Amino acid sequence: MKKIAIIDDETSILDVLKRFLSRRNIFEIDTFENPLIAFDSIEKKNYDLILCDIMMPQLNGIELIKKIKKIKPNQKIIMITAFSTEDKMIECDTIGVDDYLTKPFISMRDVENKVLDAIGL
């Protein structure tokens, strides 16, 4: 089983992604509303992929990814954003983000394909 962490302050996004990705029964999925709690888990566990929202109140996704990349430089990451400005995309590329998902999700198949591609399935 591949391990995925999903970090988003919107519980509805966490629920939709977990429910959809769990249906294939090939992923073990941990969800986190709080990026600080997510970071503690990421320090202790090895995830095949992290899906992380950019805009969160406790710690924004870019700062969280910077912290993660310091301890796990090869970590696969897909950023989730409702605000895809060119500056944000450049900054995400610079810190080593592998791909992007834009909210609202247009196609859950697209989400699934990006996840599968990122972890090599």
Protein backbone atom coordinates (compact mmCIF):
# COMPACT_ATOMS: atom_id res chain seq x y z
CA MET A 1 0.00 0.00 0.00
CA LYS A 2 1.16 3.49 -0.85
CA LYS A 3 0.99 6.08 1.94
CA ILE A 4 -0.47 9.52 1.25
CA ALA A 5 -0.82 12.53 3.53
CA ILE A 6 -3.43 15.14 2.63
CA ILE A 7 -3.16 18.52 4.34
CA ASP A 8 -5.95 21.07 3.95
CA ASP A 9 -7.81 23.27 6.43
CA GLU A 10 -11.12 22.51 4.65
CA THR A 11 -12.57 19.27 6.01
CA SER A 12 -14.80 18.91 2.96
CA ILE A 13 -11.71 18.77 0.69
CA LEU A 14 -10.08 16.20 2.99
CA ASP A 15 -13.24 14.08 2.98
CA VAL A 16 -13.72 14.17 -0.80
CA LEU A 17 -10.09 13.36 -1.58
CA LYS A 18 -9.85 10.58 1.00
CA ARG A 19 -13.15 9.00 -0.07
CA PHE A 20 -12.30 9.13 -3.76
CA LEU A 21 -8.69 7.93 -3.47
CA SER A 22 -9.59 5.18 -0.98
CA ARG A 23 -12.02 3.47 -3.33
CA ARG A 24 -9.18 1.65 -5.17
CA ASN A 25 -7.85 0.18 -1.93
CA ILE A 26 -4.21 0.85 -2.86
CA PHE A 27 -3.63 3.88 -0.64
CA GLU A 28 -3.26 4.33 3.09
CA ILE A 29 -4.36 7.92 3.62
CA ASP A 30 -3.78 10.22 6.58
CA THR A 31 -5.60 13.57 6.59
CA PHE A 32 -4.66 16.69 8.51
CA GLU A 33 -6.48 19.99 9.02
CA ASN A 34 -3.56 21.41 10.96
CA PRO A 35 -0.24 21.70 9.09
CA LEU A 36 1.77 21.66 12.32
CA ILE A 37 0.30 18.30 13.33
CA ALA A 38 0.88 17.09 9.76
CA PHE A 39 4.56 18.04 9.99
CA ASP A 40 4.94 16.04 13.21
CA SER A 41 3.52 12.99 11.43
CA ILE A 42 5.68 13.55 8.34
CA GLU A 43 8.78 13.64 10.54
CA LYS A 44 7.90 10.21 11.94
CA LYS A 45 6.35 8.44 8.93
CA ASN A 46 7.42 7.93 5.36
CA TYR A 47 4.78 9.03 2.86
CA ASP A 48 4.93 8.19 -0.82
CA LEU A 49 3.09 11.43 -1.58
CA ILE A 50 1.89 14.57 0.16
CA LEU A 51 -1.02 16.65 -1.11
CA CYS A 52 -0.87 20.06 0.53
CA ASP A 53 -3.04 23.17 0.33
CA ILE A 54 -1.21 26.47 -0.09
CA MET A 55 -3.50 28.72 1.96
CA MET A 56 -3.88 27.57 5.57
CA PRO A 57 -4.20 29.66 8.73
CA GLN A 58 -1.61 28.09 11.05
CA LEU A 59 1.21 27.76 8.50
CA ASN A 60 0.93 28.28 4.77
CA GLY A 61 1.64 25.36 2.49
CA ILE A 62 4.78 26.85 0.97
CA GLU A 63 6.39 27.31 4.39
CA LEU A 64 5.31 23.78 5.37
CA ILE A 65 6.82 22.31 2.20
CA LYS A 66 10.08 24.17 2.84
CA LYS A 67 10.22 22.56 6.30
CA ILE A 68 9.45 19.13 4.86
CA LYS A 69 12.06 19.44 2.10
CA LYS A 70 14.74 20.24 4.72
CA ILE A 71 14.21 16.85 6.37
CA LYS A 72 13.03 14.86 3.32
CA PRO A 73 14.44 16.50 0.18
CA ASN A 74 13.09 13.82 -2.20
CA GLN A 75 9.53 13.89 -0.88
CA LYS A 76 6.90 13.83 -3.67
CA ILE A 77 4.46 16.72 -3.28
CA ILE A 78 1.36 17.94 -5.07
CA MET A 79 0.16 21.41 -4.08
CA ILE A 80 -3.54 22.21 -3.89
CA THR A 81 -4.56 25.77 -4.57
CA ALA A 82 -7.55 27.94 -5.34
CA PHE A 83 -5.20 30.82 -6.18
CA SER A 84 -2.74 29.80 -8.87
CA THR A 85 -0.75 32.97 -9.52
CA GLU A 86 2.42 32.78 -11.57
CA ASP A 87 4.50 33.93 -8.57
CA LYS A 88 3.12 31.11 -6.40
CA MET A 89 3.79 28.53 -9.13
CA ILE A 90 7.37 29.73 -9.56
CA GLU A 91 7.92 29.61 -5.80
CA CYS A 92 6.46 26.08 -5.65
CA ASP A 93 8.69 24.95 -8.51
CA THR A 94 11.70 26.43 -6.73
CA ILE A 95 11.03 24.45 -3.54
CA GLY A 96 10.52 21.19 -5.43
CA VAL A 97 6.77 20.69 -5.83
CA ASP A 98 6.01 17.91 -8.33
CA ASP A 99 2.55 18.97 -9.54
CA TYR A 100 -0.53 21.11 -8.82
CA LEU A 101 -4.25 20.63 -8.30
CA THR A 102 -6.55 23.60 -8.65
CA LYS A 103 -9.66 23.99 -6.48
CA PRO A 104 -12.42 23.49 -7.22
CA PHE A 105 -11.52 20.15 -8.75
CA ILE A 106 -12.85 19.93 -12.29
CA SER A 107 -12.36 16.19 -12.62
CA MET A 108 -11.67 13.65 -9.90
CA ARG A 109 -10.14 11.46 -12.61
CA ASP A 110 -7.57 14.22 -13.18
CA VAL A 111 -6.84 14.25 -9.45
CA GLU A 112 -6.42 10.48 -9.46
CA ASN A 113 -4.17 10.55 -12.54
CA LYS A 114 -1.90 13.18 -11.00
CA VAL A 115 -1.63 11.13 -7.79
CA LEU A 116 -0.89 7.93 -9.70
CA ASP A 117 1.70 9.68 -11.89
CA ALA A 118 3.42 11.28 -8.90
CA ILE A 119 3.92 7.94 -7.15
CA GLY A 120 4.70 5.99 -10.30
CA LEU A 121 1.62 3.77 -10.61
